[in-house]
Amino acid sequence: MDLKDRICVVTGATEGIGKAIASALAGKGAKLAICSRTPSKVERTVAELSKNGVTVVGRACNVADPDQVREFAAFVRARLGPAEVLVNNAGIGHFADVEEMSLEQFDEIFAVNVRGIFLMTKAFLGDMKRMGRGDIVNIASLAGRNAVAGGAAYAASKHAVLGFSKSLMLEVRKYNIRVIAICPGTVVTPFFGRGPGRIQRPARKLMPEDVAHAVIAALEVADRAMISELDIRPTNP
C-alpha cells in the first residue's frame, strides 16, 4: 500500500515507539493525526512533524476515556477525514511482584493497554468498513507471548492485546481491513527504565526506529496480503 496522503492515526505518539512511527509515516507523505495524554507534548510533536510540509494534527486524549476517544475521532474526521490507518500504540507498564502491585496500578495497565485499544478501534472501525479498506496496527509485545517475572499484569495485558488482535482480524478481514499485531522485544524508550530489573547491554537493544520500520514494512505490503503478526527482537542481546 502506498502511504502517501493516507490518513493515519497514531496514539501515544509524542515519545518513544509512537513518535518514531509517526515520524516514519510522515516521511512517507501520510496525513497524520496524533494523540497523547499531555497537551504540551502533543503541540510540540505536531510542530516537529509539520516542519517538512507534512499535514499533522493533534489533540490530547486519554485512550481509556470513552468520551475523550469519541471527541478525538470526531476531531480527526473534521480535520482530515475518515482514518485509513490506525496505530494503537499508547501503552503503560507498572512492574512489581503480584503481592506488591496495587489494584490501582493493575487497573490502569488494563485500562490503557487493553480498554484503550478496544475504544480506539470501535471509534474508527465504522469508517473503515464503509470505505471497504483499512489497517489497524496494534503494538503488542513479546511479553504477550512469554512470562515476565515482576511483570504479570503487563504481560497479561499484552496477551490480551494479541487475543483481541487475532479475533478482530477474523471479524474484519472480509471488509478488506487488515489487523497487524507488532510484538517488539526490549526497546530503548522512556518506558525502558521502568521494567523489572536492570536491562543489560542497552546498546544491543532495539531502538524505536526499528519498530517503526517494521510497521511501515507491514503496511506497505500489497493490499492482497496481510502480515497479521510480526515479532521483532534484538539480534544478539
Protein backbone atom coordinates (compact mmCIF):
# COMPACT_ATOMS: atom_id res chain seq x y z
CA MET A 1 0.00 0.00 0.00
CA ASP A 2 1.24 3.45 -0.91
CA LEU A 3 1.10 5.55 2.27
CA LYS A 4 1.27 8.94 0.55
CA ASP A 5 -1.74 11.07 1.52
CA ARG A 6 -3.24 8.23 3.56
CA ILE A 7 -4.95 9.43 6.73
CA CYS A 8 -3.16 7.76 9.61
CA VAL A 9 -3.88 7.93 13.35
CA VAL A 10 -1.17 7.17 15.92
CA THR A 11 -1.87 7.03 19.65
CA GLY A 12 0.81 7.64 22.26
CA ALA A 13 2.68 9.47 19.53
CA THR A 14 4.74 12.02 21.46
CA GLU A 15 7.66 9.85 22.55
CA GLY A 16 9.32 6.50 22.05
CA ILE A 17 7.85 4.00 19.62
CA GLY A 18 4.77 6.08 18.85
CA LYS A 19 6.76 9.13 17.88
CA ALA A 20 9.08 7.03 15.71
CA ILE A 21 6.08 5.51 13.92
CA ALA A 22 4.51 8.93 13.39
CA SER A 23 7.79 10.28 12.04
CA ALA A 24 8.18 7.32 9.67
CA LEU A 25 4.63 7.77 8.37
CA ALA A 26 5.28 11.48 7.87
CA GLY A 27 8.37 10.54 5.88
CA LYS A 28 6.13 8.51 3.58
CA GLY A 29 3.88 11.52 2.98
CA ALA A 30 0.94 10.34 5.09
CA LYS A 31 -1.53 12.77 6.66
CA LEU A 32 -1.26 12.34 10.41
CA ALA A 33 -3.49 12.67 13.44
CA ILE A 34 -1.71 12.07 16.73
CA CYS A 35 -2.65 12.00 20.38
CA SER A 36 -1.25 11.50 23.84
CA ARG A 37 -2.42 12.49 27.30
CA THR A 38 -0.25 15.62 27.65
CA PRO A 39 -1.35 18.68 25.62
CA SER A 40 2.08 20.33 25.61
CA LYS A 41 3.72 17.18 24.23
CA VAL A 42 1.10 16.92 21.51
CA GLU A 43 1.67 20.55 20.48
CA ARG A 44 5.44 20.10 20.41
CA THR A 45 5.26 16.89 18.38
CA VAL A 46 2.82 18.37 15.86
CA ALA A 47 5.21 21.30 15.36
CA GLU A 48 8.19 18.98 14.88
CA LEU A 49 6.47 16.67 12.41
CA SER A 50 4.96 19.55 10.42
CA LYS A 51 8.31 21.16 9.60
CA ASN A 52 8.69 19.46 6.21
CA GLY A 53 5.25 20.40 4.95
CA VAL A 54 3.53 17.26 6.19
CA THR A 55 -0.11 17.56 7.28
CA VAL A 56 -0.22 16.81 11.01
CA VAL A 57 -2.97 17.49 13.53
CA GLY A 58 -3.06 16.51 17.18
CA ARG A 59 -5.18 16.55 20.28
CA ALA A 60 -4.74 15.44 23.88
CA CYS A 61 -6.63 12.22 24.55
CA ASN A 62 -6.69 9.58 27.26
CA VAL A 63 -7.35 6.42 25.24
CA ALA A 64 -9.06 4.79 28.23
CA ASP A 65 -11.71 7.52 28.43
CA PRO A 66 -14.64 6.81 26.06
CA ASP A 67 -15.73 10.46 25.87
CA GLN A 68 -12.24 11.67 25.01
CA VAL A 69 -11.86 8.93 22.39
CA ARG A 70 -15.15 9.88 20.74
CA GLU A 71 -14.11 13.54 20.72
CA PHE A 72 -10.73 12.67 19.23
CA ALA A 73 -12.30 10.56 16.49
CA ALA A 74 -14.68 13.41 15.63
CA PHE A 75 -11.71 15.81 15.59
CA VAL A 76 -9.86 13.58 13.12
CA ARG A 77 -12.86 13.30 10.80
CA ALA A 78 -13.44 17.05 10.87
CA ARG A 79 -9.80 17.98 10.24
CA LEU A 80 -8.65 15.22 7.88
CA GLY A 81 -11.48 12.84 7.01
CA PRO A 82 -12.02 9.14 7.77
CA ALA A 83 -8.92 7.36 9.01
CA GLU A 84 -7.43 4.67 6.78
CA VAL A 85 -4.72 3.53 9.20
CA LEU A 86 -4.98 3.29 12.99
CA VAL A 87 -1.87 2.57 15.04
CA ASN A 88 -2.81 1.65 18.60
CA ASN A 89 0.50 2.35 20.30
CA ALA A 90 -0.42 4.02 23.61
CA GLY A 91 0.62 1.80 26.49
CA ILE A 92 1.71 1.83 30.10
CA GLY A 93 3.53 -0.52 32.43
CA HIS A 94 3.86 -0.88 36.18
CA PHE A 95 6.24 -3.59 37.29
CA ALA A 96 6.11 -5.34 40.64
CA ASP A 97 5.51 -8.78 42.05
CA VAL A 98 1.79 -9.59 42.24
CA GLU A 99 1.69 -9.31 46.03
CA GLU A 100 3.22 -5.84 45.89
CA MET A 101 1.22 -4.38 42.99
CA SER A 102 -1.71 -2.17 43.87
CA LEU A 103 -5.16 -2.67 42.39
CA GLU A 104 -4.96 0.87 41.01
CA GLN A 105 -1.78 0.02 39.09
CA PHE A 106 -3.27 -3.21 37.77
CA ASP A 107 -6.44 -1.45 36.62
CA GLU A 108 -4.50 1.35 34.93
CA ILE A 109 -2.44 -1.13 32.91
CA PHE A 110 -5.56 -2.82 31.57
CA ALA A 111 -7.39 0.48 31.08
CA VAL A 112 -4.69 1.87 28.79
CA ASN A 113 -3.25 -1.27 27.18
CA VAL A 114 -6.49 -3.17 26.52
CA ARG A 115 -9.54 -0.94 27.00
CA GLY A 116 -7.78 1.84 25.08
CA ILE A 117 -7.26 -0.36 22.03
CA PHE A 118 -10.88 -1.50 22.20
CA LEU A 119 -12.22 2.06 22.40
CA MET A 120 -9.98 3.44 19.65
CA THR A 121 -10.76 0.54 17.35
CA LYS A 122 -14.52 0.99 17.86
CA ALA A 123 -14.19 4.72 17.19
CA PHE A 124 -12.53 4.31 13.78
CA LEU A 125 -13.65 0.89 12.57
CA GLY A 126 -17.00 2.02 11.20
CA ASP A 127 -15.38 4.41 8.74
CA MET A 128 -13.01 1.70 7.53
CA LYS A 129 -15.89 -0.72 6.95
CA ARG A 130 -17.78 1.90 4.97
CA MET A 131 -14.69 2.57 2.83
CA GLY A 132 -14.08 -1.14 2.35
CA ARG A 133 -10.45 -0.91 3.40
CA GLY A 134 -8.20 -0.07 6.33
CA ASP A 135 -5.30 -1.10 8.51
CA ILE A 136 -5.29 -1.47 12.29
CA VAL A 137 -1.85 -1.88 13.84
CA ASN A 138 -1.73 -2.92 17.49
CA ILE A 139 1.61 -2.56 19.27
CA ALA A 140 1.76 -5.62 21.49
CA SER A 141 4.99 -7.07 22.90
CA LEU A 142 6.98 -10.28 23.17
CA ALA A 143 5.65 -10.11 26.74
CA GLY A 144 2.37 -11.10 25.11
CA ARG A 145 3.91 -14.46 24.27
CA ASN A 146 6.13 -15.01 27.30
CA ALA A 147 6.03 -14.93 31.07
CA VAL A 148 7.66 -11.95 32.81
CA ALA A 149 8.62 -12.22 36.49
CA GLY A 150 7.67 -8.94 38.12
CA GLY A 151 5.53 -8.07 35.13
CA ALA A 152 2.47 -10.30 35.50
CA ALA A 153 -0.04 -7.52 34.89
CA TYR A 154 1.85 -6.06 31.94
CA ALA A 155 2.36 -9.47 30.33
CA ALA A 156 -1.30 -10.34 30.87
CA SER A 157 -2.37 -7.10 29.19
CA LYS A 158 -0.19 -7.83 26.16
CA HIS A 159 -1.51 -11.40 25.96
CA ALA A 160 -4.93 -9.74 25.85
CA VAL A 161 -3.81 -7.43 23.03
CA LEU A 162 -2.77 -10.44 20.95
CA GLY A 163 -6.03 -12.26 21.65
CA PHE A 164 -8.01 -9.15 20.73
CA SER A 165 -5.99 -8.65 17.55
CA LYS A 166 -6.41 -12.23 16.35
CA SER A 167 -10.16 -12.20 16.95
CA LEU A 168 -10.61 -8.74 15.38
CA MET A 169 -8.69 -9.88 12.31
CA LEU A 170 -11.17 -12.73 11.79
CA GLU A 171 -14.09 -10.31 12.14
CA VAL A 172 -12.94 -7.61 9.72
CA ARG A 173 -10.81 -9.18 7.02
CA LYS A 174 -13.98 -9.65 4.90
CA TYR A 175 -14.13 -5.84 4.68
CA ASN A 176 -10.53 -5.69 3.35
CA ILE A 177 -9.36 -4.42 6.73
CA ARG A 178 -6.02 -5.75 7.87
CA VAL A 179 -5.16 -6.21 11.55
CA ILE A 180 -1.46 -6.31 12.33
CA ALA A 181 -0.03 -7.13 15.76
CA ILE A 182 3.57 -5.98 16.26
CA CYS A 183 5.49 -7.73 19.08
CA PRO A 184 8.76 -5.95 19.93
CA GLY A 185 11.31 -7.18 22.40
CA THR A 186 13.08 -4.72 24.68
CA VAL A 187 13.16 -1.24 23.12
CA VAL A 188 15.21 1.69 24.39
CA THR A 189 12.50 4.28 25.17
CA PRO A 190 11.39 6.38 28.17
CA PHE A 191 9.42 3.25 29.09
CA PHE A 192 12.75 1.38 29.10
CA GLY A 193 13.78 2.08 32.68
CA ARG A 194 10.51 1.03 34.27
CA GLY A 195 10.81 -2.70 33.55
CA PRO A 196 11.73 -5.34 36.13
CA GLY A 197 15.43 -5.41 36.94
CA ARG A 198 18.28 -3.61 35.21
CA ILE A 199 18.41 -4.02 31.45
CA GLN A 200 21.79 -5.36 30.39
CA ARG A 201 23.73 -4.05 27.35
CA PRO A 202 21.25 -1.39 26.23
CA ALA A 203 23.33 -0.63 23.13
CA ARG A 204 22.23 -4.02 21.77
CA LYS A 205 18.52 -3.50 22.38
CA LEU A 206 16.03 -2.34 19.80
CA MET A 207 15.51 1.34 19.05
CA PRO A 208 12.08 2.90 18.37
CA GLU A 209 13.06 3.38 14.74
CA ASP A 210 13.46 -0.39 14.36
CA VAL A 211 9.84 -0.93 15.39
CA ALA A 212 8.69 1.92 13.15
CA HIS A 213 10.49 0.32 10.20
CA ALA A 214 8.64 -2.96 10.87
CA VAL A 215 5.29 -1.14 10.98
CA ILE A 216 5.96 0.63 7.68
CA ALA A 217 7.06 -2.63 6.05
CA ALA A 218 3.86 -4.38 7.17
CA LEU A 219 1.69 -1.52 5.90
CA GLU A 220 3.43 -1.31 2.53
CA VAL A 221 2.80 -4.96 1.69
CA ALA A 222 0.36 -5.29 -1.23
CA ASP A 223 -3.26 -4.91 -0.14
CA ARG A 224 -3.95 -8.55 -1.03
CA ALA A 225 -1.54 -9.68 1.70
CA MET A 226 -1.67 -9.24 5.47
CA ILE A 227 1.16 -9.66 7.96
CA SER A 228 -1.11 -10.49 10.87
CA GLU A 229 1.67 -10.87 13.46
CA LEU A 230 5.26 -9.72 13.44
CA ASP A 231 7.90 -10.39 16.10
CA ILE A 232 10.93 -8.10 16.27
CA ARG A 233 13.73 -8.79 18.69
CA PRO A 234 17.38 -7.81 19.20
CA THR A 235 19.78 -9.80 17.04
CA ASN A 236 22.29 -10.50 19.81
CA PRO A 237 21.04 -9.27 23.19
